[in-house]
């Protein structure tokens, strides 16, 4: 067993080297095994029926395929599905599957917990444990597809954790999922959502796979953003906007701005004008997100205040949408299901 490799941690080149050089197999065997795992979502070597019996018995001792275990699943009345997974060390993470009619989106985690401690976020209240490995990120997505019984068309790295604080594992998982011999998910179907990690945005500019970028802003000036998102003290708005300008200059890609609407905190008309001024010269698309409360500290903005905010953006030629709420009846905000489950287990 000491020779066994953890399958989901390997990219295609590592798979090829392992199969051909260490196991002495022909190259096509690499493709067969990858097809079983990434296309067919078969995680038991013995079920890979186009491999000979003797080969399967040999591989069973040399390849470990370890997707997370499903602890709990909840389904919303709108079709949103939330999953609580257990990793090999017993830690737990969440992911959400959103249905949009003709396509669907997996919102997946990159860390166990989150170190950013945003004031309005359930994940931050649970503290930070560790980064996920590339294989844990990949395995989460494959396990979601298997549980859902269908291929998932889009990924957004917007679950638990800050993706760009786990940059190495994140980028490797993207390359694994994108590779045509593995999952083959198109780069334009993957989005990284960040709270504004400037070095990570600059590294993303150089990534050879052109994934999309989304920035969780939530505040239009440093004073407010420092209060809501302590990471702003390390990477204030000036440095963030400069990084976004460089990113757009090099990639030509439009950036999505995520803006959670919190009643009487960041939703007044003056802040709508501030947002427009802050984004001047950038190609952006704004998602106005009705806040999903995690405690009594903050309340959701009224529809009237959200619409008034959006009206100003529209008048200033900024494209926006009010995100349709999904999964509120199943605690679909990041971290809520994990916290709920941990509380129940302590009772």
Protein backbone atom coordinates (compact mmCIF):
# COMPACT_ATOMS: atom_id res chain seq x y z
CA UNK A 1 0.00 0.00 0.00
CA UNK A 2 2.98 2.32 0.52
CA UNK A 3 3.38 2.53 -3.25
CA UNK A 4 -0.20 3.68 -3.81
CA UNK A 5 -0.76 7.08 -5.34
CA UNK A 6 -3.72 9.36 -4.65
CA UNK A 7 -5.32 9.47 -8.07
CA UNK A 8 -7.21 12.76 -7.90
CA UNK A 9 -4.05 14.69 -6.98
CA UNK A 10 -2.40 13.92 -10.33
CA UNK A 11 -2.52 16.00 -13.48
CA UNK A 12 -2.42 14.30 -16.87
CA UNK A 13 1.37 14.38 -17.24
CA UNK A 14 1.74 12.82 -13.78
CA UNK A 15 -0.81 10.16 -14.71
CA UNK A 16 1.07 9.40 -17.89
CA UNK A 17 4.41 9.10 -16.11
CA UNK A 18 2.93 6.90 -13.38
CA UNK A 19 1.18 4.52 -15.76
CA UNK A 20 3.87 4.19 -18.41
CA UNK A 21 7.10 4.51 -16.45
CA UNK A 22 6.23 3.16 -13.00
CA UNK A 23 3.62 0.58 -13.94
CA UNK A 24 4.93 -0.25 -17.43
CA UNK A 25 1.49 0.16 -19.04
CA UNK A 26 0.79 1.31 -22.55
CA UNK A 27 -0.22 4.94 -22.97
CA UNK A 28 -3.82 4.14 -23.85
CA UNK A 29 -4.32 2.61 -20.41
CA UNK A 30 -3.80 6.09 -18.91
CA UNK A 31 -6.64 7.42 -21.03
CA UNK A 32 -8.89 4.51 -20.12
CA UNK A 33 -8.40 5.01 -16.39
CA UNK A 34 -8.88 8.78 -16.65
CA UNK A 35 -12.03 8.27 -18.68
CA UNK A 36 -13.50 6.01 -15.98
CA UNK A 37 -12.76 8.53 -13.25
CA UNK A 38 -13.45 11.86 -14.93
CA UNK A 39 -16.12 11.05 -17.49
CA UNK A 40 -17.93 8.09 -15.96
CA UNK A 41 -17.36 8.98 -12.30
CA UNK A 42 -16.34 5.42 -11.45
CA UNK A 43 -14.10 5.43 -8.37
CA UNK A 44 -13.70 1.69 -7.82
CA UNK A 45 -10.90 0.11 -9.85
CA UNK A 46 -12.75 -3.24 -9.92
CA UNK A 47 -15.63 -1.61 -11.84
CA UNK A 48 -13.38 -0.48 -14.71
CA UNK A 49 -14.48 -3.31 -16.94
CA UNK A 50 -12.31 -2.67 -20.00
CA UNK A 51 -9.22 -3.32 -17.88
CA UNK A 52 -8.29 -6.98 -17.51
CA UNK A 53 -9.04 -8.69 -14.21
CA UNK A 54 -5.36 -9.16 -13.32
CA UNK A 55 -4.65 -5.51 -14.12
CA UNK A 56 -7.53 -4.34 -11.98
CA UNK A 57 -6.35 -6.44 -9.05
CA UNK A 58 -2.85 -4.99 -9.42
CA UNK A 59 -4.06 -1.40 -9.73
CA UNK A 60 -6.34 -1.73 -6.71
CA UNK A 61 -3.24 -1.81 -4.52
CA UNK A 62 -1.47 1.02 -6.32
CA UNK A 63 -4.14 3.66 -7.00
CA UNK A 64 -6.30 5.28 -4.34
CA UNK A 65 -9.37 7.13 -5.64
CA UNK A 66 -10.67 9.13 -2.70
CA UNK A 67 -13.53 11.52 -3.41
CA UNK A 68 -15.21 13.02 -0.32
CA UNK A 69 -18.05 11.17 1.40
CA UNK A 70 -21.52 12.67 1.36
CA UNK A 71 -22.68 13.51 4.90
CA UNK A 72 -25.85 15.41 4.13
CA UNK A 73 -27.75 16.76 1.15
CA UNK A 74 -30.55 19.30 1.13
CA UNK A 75 -32.70 20.31 -1.82
CA UNK A 76 -34.48 23.65 -2.02
CA UNK A 77 -37.95 24.18 -3.43
CA UNK A 78 -36.25 26.07 -6.30
CA UNK A 79 -34.04 23.06 -7.14
CA UNK A 80 -30.86 24.30 -5.46
CA UNK A 81 -28.96 21.40 -3.92
CA UNK A 82 -26.53 21.79 -1.06
CA UNK A 83 -23.98 19.13 -0.13
CA UNK A 84 -21.99 18.59 3.05
CA UNK A 85 -18.91 16.45 2.41
CA UNK A 86 -16.46 14.71 4.71
CA UNK A 87 -12.81 14.54 3.70
CA UNK A 88 -10.39 11.73 4.51
CA UNK A 89 -9.17 13.47 7.69
CA UNK A 90 -12.71 14.02 8.97
CA UNK A 91 -12.93 17.70 8.08
CA UNK A 92 -16.10 18.87 6.37
CA UNK A 93 -16.77 21.23 3.48
CA UNK A 94 -19.80 22.46 1.57
CA UNK A 95 -20.73 22.85 -2.07
CA UNK A 96 -23.89 24.03 -3.82
CA UNK A 97 -25.43 23.05 -7.16
CA UNK A 98 -27.47 25.81 -8.77
CA UNK A 99 -29.87 25.09 -11.63
CA UNK A 100 -30.38 27.73 -14.31
CA UNK A 101 -32.68 25.85 -16.67
CA UNK A 102 -30.44 25.03 -19.62
CA UNK A 103 -27.25 24.88 -17.56
CA UNK A 104 -26.10 24.40 -13.98
CA UNK A 105 -23.33 25.71 -11.78
CA UNK A 106 -21.29 24.11 -9.02
CA UNK A 107 -20.24 26.48 -6.28
CA UNK A 108 -17.28 24.68 -4.72
CA UNK A 109 -14.97 25.20 -1.77
CA UNK A 110 -11.24 25.78 -1.78
CA UNK A 111 -10.54 25.75 1.97
CA UNK A 112 -11.90 24.17 5.13
CA UNK A 113 -13.34 27.27 6.74
CA UNK A 114 -11.98 30.69 5.79
CA UNK A 115 -9.33 33.01 7.30
CA UNK A 116 -10.88 36.26 6.04
CA UNK A 117 -13.59 36.67 8.72
CA UNK A 118 -15.89 38.86 6.64
CA UNK A 119 -18.45 40.37 9.00
CA UNK A 120 -21.50 39.05 7.14
CA UNK A 121 -20.32 35.53 6.23
CA UNK A 122 -21.14 32.25 7.99
CA UNK A 123 -17.94 30.54 6.81
CA UNK A 124 -15.73 33.14 8.46
CA UNK A 125 -17.55 32.68 11.76
CA UNK A 126 -16.48 29.04 11.73
CA UNK A 127 -12.78 29.93 11.58
CA UNK A 128 -10.05 28.57 9.30
CA UNK A 129 -8.73 25.00 9.45
CA UNK A 130 -6.65 24.35 6.33
CA UNK A 131 -6.36 24.56 2.56
CA UNK A 132 -7.85 21.88 0.35
CA UNK A 133 -5.49 19.87 -1.84
CA UNK A 134 -5.94 19.86 -5.63
CA UNK A 135 -7.42 16.37 -5.38
CA UNK A 136 -9.92 17.45 -2.73
CA UNK A 137 -11.10 20.32 -4.93
CA UNK A 138 -11.36 18.04 -7.97
CA UNK A 139 -12.94 15.22 -5.96
CA UNK A 140 -15.58 17.57 -4.59
CA UNK A 141 -16.67 18.46 -8.13
CA UNK A 142 -16.68 14.86 -9.38
CA UNK A 143 -18.61 13.70 -6.32
CA UNK A 144 -21.18 16.44 -6.97
CA UNK A 145 -21.62 15.22 -10.55
CA UNK A 146 -22.03 11.63 -9.38
CA UNK A 147 -24.54 12.61 -6.69
CA UNK A 148 -26.47 14.76 -9.14
CA UNK A 149 -26.44 12.05 -11.81
CA UNK A 150 -25.47 14.53 -14.50
CA UNK A 151 -22.57 16.55 -15.81
CA UNK A 152 -22.22 20.03 -14.37
CA UNK A 153 -21.62 22.70 -16.98
CA UNK A 154 -20.07 25.49 -14.89
CA UNK A 155 -17.89 25.94 -11.82
CA UNK A 156 -17.50 28.98 -9.63
CA UNK A 157 -14.87 28.83 -6.90
CA UNK A 158 -17.08 30.73 -4.47
CA UNK A 159 -17.80 28.19 -1.75
CA UNK A 160 -16.03 28.02 1.59
CA UNK A 161 -12.68 29.79 1.68
CA UNK A 162 -10.73 32.31 -0.37
CA UNK A 163 -9.53 30.57 -3.56
CA UNK A 164 -6.56 32.85 -4.20
CA UNK A 165 -5.16 32.13 -0.74
CA UNK A 166 -4.86 28.53 -1.93
CA UNK A 167 -3.47 29.50 -5.30
CA UNK A 168 -1.19 26.56 -6.09
CA UNK A 169 -3.83 23.92 -5.38
CA UNK A 170 -6.52 25.98 -7.10
CA UNK A 171 -4.57 26.42 -10.32
CA UNK A 172 -3.61 22.74 -10.44
CA UNK A 173 -7.24 21.68 -9.94
CA UNK A 174 -8.29 23.99 -12.77
CA UNK A 175 -5.72 22.43 -15.09
CA UNK A 176 -6.90 18.93 -14.16
CA UNK A 177 -10.55 19.74 -14.75
CA UNK A 178 -9.77 21.57 -17.99
CA UNK A 179 -7.55 18.90 -19.58
CA UNK A 180 -9.27 17.22 -22.58
CA UNK A 181 -8.14 13.76 -21.45
CA UNK A 182 -9.59 14.32 -17.99
CA UNK A 183 -12.79 16.26 -17.23
CA UNK A 184 -12.47 18.53 -20.29
CA UNK A 185 -14.38 21.44 -18.76
CA UNK A 186 -13.89 24.61 -20.81
CA UNK A 187 -11.93 27.48 -19.27
CA UNK A 188 -14.75 29.95 -19.93
CA UNK A 189 -17.04 27.76 -17.83
CA UNK A 190 -14.88 28.28 -14.74
CA UNK A 191 -14.89 31.40 -12.56
CA UNK A 192 -12.66 32.32 -9.65
CA UNK A 193 -14.35 34.54 -7.08
CA UNK A 194 -12.00 36.46 -4.80
CA UNK A 195 -12.39 38.91 -1.96
CA UNK A 196 -9.59 40.93 -3.53
CA UNK A 197 -6.29 39.07 -3.05
CA UNK A 198 -4.12 41.31 -5.21
CA UNK A 199 -1.11 38.96 -5.68
CA UNK A 200 -3.52 36.19 -6.69
CA UNK A 201 -5.22 38.41 -9.26
CA UNK A 202 -1.82 39.25 -10.72
CA UNK A 203 -0.90 35.54 -10.83
CA UNK A 204 -4.20 34.77 -12.52
CA UNK A 205 -3.26 37.22 -15.25
CA UNK A 206 -0.40 34.90 -16.17
CA UNK A 207 -2.38 31.63 -15.97
CA UNK A 208 -2.43 29.99 -19.38
CA UNK A 209 -6.04 28.85 -18.89
CA UNK A 210 -8.34 31.87 -19.39
CA UNK A 211 -10.83 31.33 -16.57
CA UNK A 212 -13.18 34.14 -15.61
CA UNK A 213 -12.71 36.47 -12.65
CA UNK A 214 -15.27 37.68 -10.12
CA UNK A 215 -14.53 40.10 -7.26
CA UNK A 216 -16.55 40.28 -4.06
CA UNK A 217 -16.55 44.01 -3.37
CA UNK A 218 -19.42 44.77 -0.95
CA UNK A 219 -18.06 48.19 -0.02
CA UNK A 220 -17.37 51.33 -2.07
CA UNK A 221 -14.76 52.97 0.15
CA UNK A 222 -11.94 51.73 2.37
CA UNK A 223 -13.61 52.67 5.65
CA UNK A 224 -16.72 50.61 4.93
CA UNK A 225 -14.85 47.76 3.30
CA UNK A 226 -12.41 47.55 6.24
CA UNK A 227 -15.43 47.04 8.51
CA UNK A 228 -17.09 44.42 6.34
CA UNK A 229 -14.00 42.71 4.93
CA UNK A 230 -10.82 42.94 7.06
CA UNK A 231 -8.71 41.77 4.09
CA UNK A 232 -9.18 45.28 2.70
CA UNK A 233 -6.67 46.53 5.27
CA UNK A 234 -4.03 44.40 3.57
CA UNK A 235 -5.19 45.03 0.00
CA UNK A 236 -7.08 48.36 -0.01
CA UNK A 237 -9.29 49.43 -2.86
CA UNK A 238 -6.59 51.43 -4.63
CA UNK A 239 -4.33 48.39 -5.01
CA UNK A 240 -7.28 46.17 -5.94
CA UNK A 241 -8.49 48.49 -8.70
CA UNK A 242 -4.95 48.84 -10.05
CA UNK A 243 -4.65 45.03 -10.22
CA UNK A 244 -8.00 44.80 -12.02
CA UNK A 245 -6.92 47.40 -14.57
CA UNK A 246 -3.72 45.45 -15.26
CA UNK A 247 -5.70 42.23 -15.47
CA UNK A 248 -8.08 43.68 -18.05
CA UNK A 249 -5.29 45.26 -20.04
CA UNK A 250 -3.57 41.87 -20.38
CA UNK A 251 -6.59 39.59 -20.76
CA UNK A 252 -9.31 41.81 -22.23
CA UNK A 253 -11.83 40.04 -19.99
CA UNK A 254 -14.77 41.69 -18.31
CA UNK A 255 -14.81 41.31 -14.51
CA UNK A 256 -17.92 40.50 -12.51
CA UNK A 257 -18.41 42.56 -9.35
CA UNK A 258 -20.33 40.80 -6.59
CA UNK A 259 -22.11 43.19 -4.24
CA UNK A 260 -24.16 41.87 -1.30
CA UNK A 261 -26.96 44.30 -0.46
CA UNK A 262 -27.03 44.90 3.33
CA UNK A 263 -29.76 47.14 4.68
CA UNK A 264 -28.59 50.67 5.65
CA UNK A 265 -24.96 49.55 5.49
CA UNK A 266 -23.88 49.57 1.82
CA UNK A 267 -27.11 50.11 -0.09
CA UNK A 268 -27.77 53.86 -0.20
CA UNK A 269 -27.81 55.89 -3.40
CA UNK A 270 -24.60 57.72 -2.54
CA UNK A 271 -22.78 54.39 -2.47
CA UNK A 272 -24.19 53.52 -5.90
CA UNK A 273 -22.50 56.65 -7.26
CA UNK A 274 -19.31 55.73 -5.39
CA UNK A 275 -19.36 52.27 -6.96
CA UNK A 276 -19.70 53.75 -10.44
CA UNK A 277 -16.83 56.19 -9.83
CA UNK A 278 -14.62 53.45 -8.39
CA UNK A 279 -15.13 51.28 -11.47
CA UNK A 280 -14.60 54.09 -13.97
CA UNK A 281 -12.66 52.82 -16.99
CA UNK A 282 -13.12 49.14 -16.12
CA UNK A 283 -15.28 46.72 -18.08
CA UNK A 284 -17.52 45.25 -15.39
CA UNK A 285 -20.82 43.54 -14.76
CA UNK A 286 -22.40 44.00 -11.33
CA UNK A 287 -24.35 41.33 -9.46
CA UNK A 288 -26.52 42.87 -6.74
CA UNK A 289 -27.07 40.03 -4.27
CA UNK A 290 -29.88 40.06 -1.69
CA UNK A 291 -28.15 39.33 1.61
CA UNK A 292 -28.77 35.89 3.12
CA UNK A 293 -28.63 36.61 6.90
CA UNK A 294 -26.51 34.36 9.11
CA UNK A 295 -27.37 36.09 12.41
CA UNK A 296 -29.09 39.24 13.67
CA UNK A 297 -26.18 41.61 13.00
CA UNK A 298 -27.17 42.57 9.47
CA UNK A 299 -30.43 42.57 7.54
CA UNK A 300 -31.25 42.20 3.88
CA UNK A 301 -31.90 45.35 1.87
CA UNK A 302 -35.48 45.86 0.79
CA UNK A 303 -36.38 45.31 -2.85
CA UNK A 304 -37.05 49.05 -3.14
CA UNK A 305 -33.53 49.95 -1.98
CA UNK A 306 -31.94 47.32 -4.23
CA UNK A 307 -33.88 48.58 -7.25
CA UNK A 308 -33.01 52.21 -6.48
CA UNK A 309 -29.33 51.26 -6.25
CA UNK A 310 -29.51 49.41 -9.55
CA UNK A 311 -31.37 52.26 -11.25
CA UNK A 312 -28.46 54.61 -10.56
CA UNK A 313 -25.97 52.09 -11.94
CA UNK A 314 -28.07 51.77 -15.08
CA UNK A 315 -28.24 55.54 -15.49
CA UNK A 316 -24.45 55.60 -15.30
CA UNK A 317 -24.20 52.93 -18.03
CA UNK A 318 -23.12 50.13 -15.71
CA UNK A 319 -24.66 46.79 -16.59
CA UNK A 320 -26.10 44.96 -13.61
CA UNK A 321 -28.59 42.37 -12.50
CA UNK A 322 -30.34 41.62 -9.24
CA UNK A 323 -29.42 38.05 -8.54
CA UNK A 324 -32.38 35.79 -8.11
CA UNK A 325 -32.33 34.30 -4.66
CA UNK A 326 -31.74 30.57 -4.51
CA UNK A 327 -31.70 28.11 -1.66
CA UNK A 328 -32.73 30.40 1.21
CA UNK A 329 -35.02 27.69 2.58
CA UNK A 330 -32.08 25.28 2.97
CA UNK A 331 -29.45 27.65 4.41
CA UNK A 332 -27.54 27.79 1.14
CA UNK A 333 -25.22 30.63 2.11
CA UNK A 334 -21.61 29.48 2.45
CA UNK A 335 -20.89 27.85 5.80
CA UNK A 336 -24.45 27.62 7.08
CA UNK A 337 -24.99 23.89 6.61
CA UNK A 338 -21.59 23.05 8.14
CA UNK A 339 -22.24 25.23 11.19
CA UNK A 340 -25.74 23.80 11.57
CA UNK A 341 -24.42 20.24 11.39
CA UNK A 342 -21.62 20.92 13.89
CA UNK A 343 -24.08 22.42 16.37
CA UNK A 344 -26.38 19.39 16.02
CA UNK A 345 -23.50 16.98 16.62
CA UNK A 346 -22.61 18.75 19.88
CA UNK A 347 -26.14 18.47 21.31
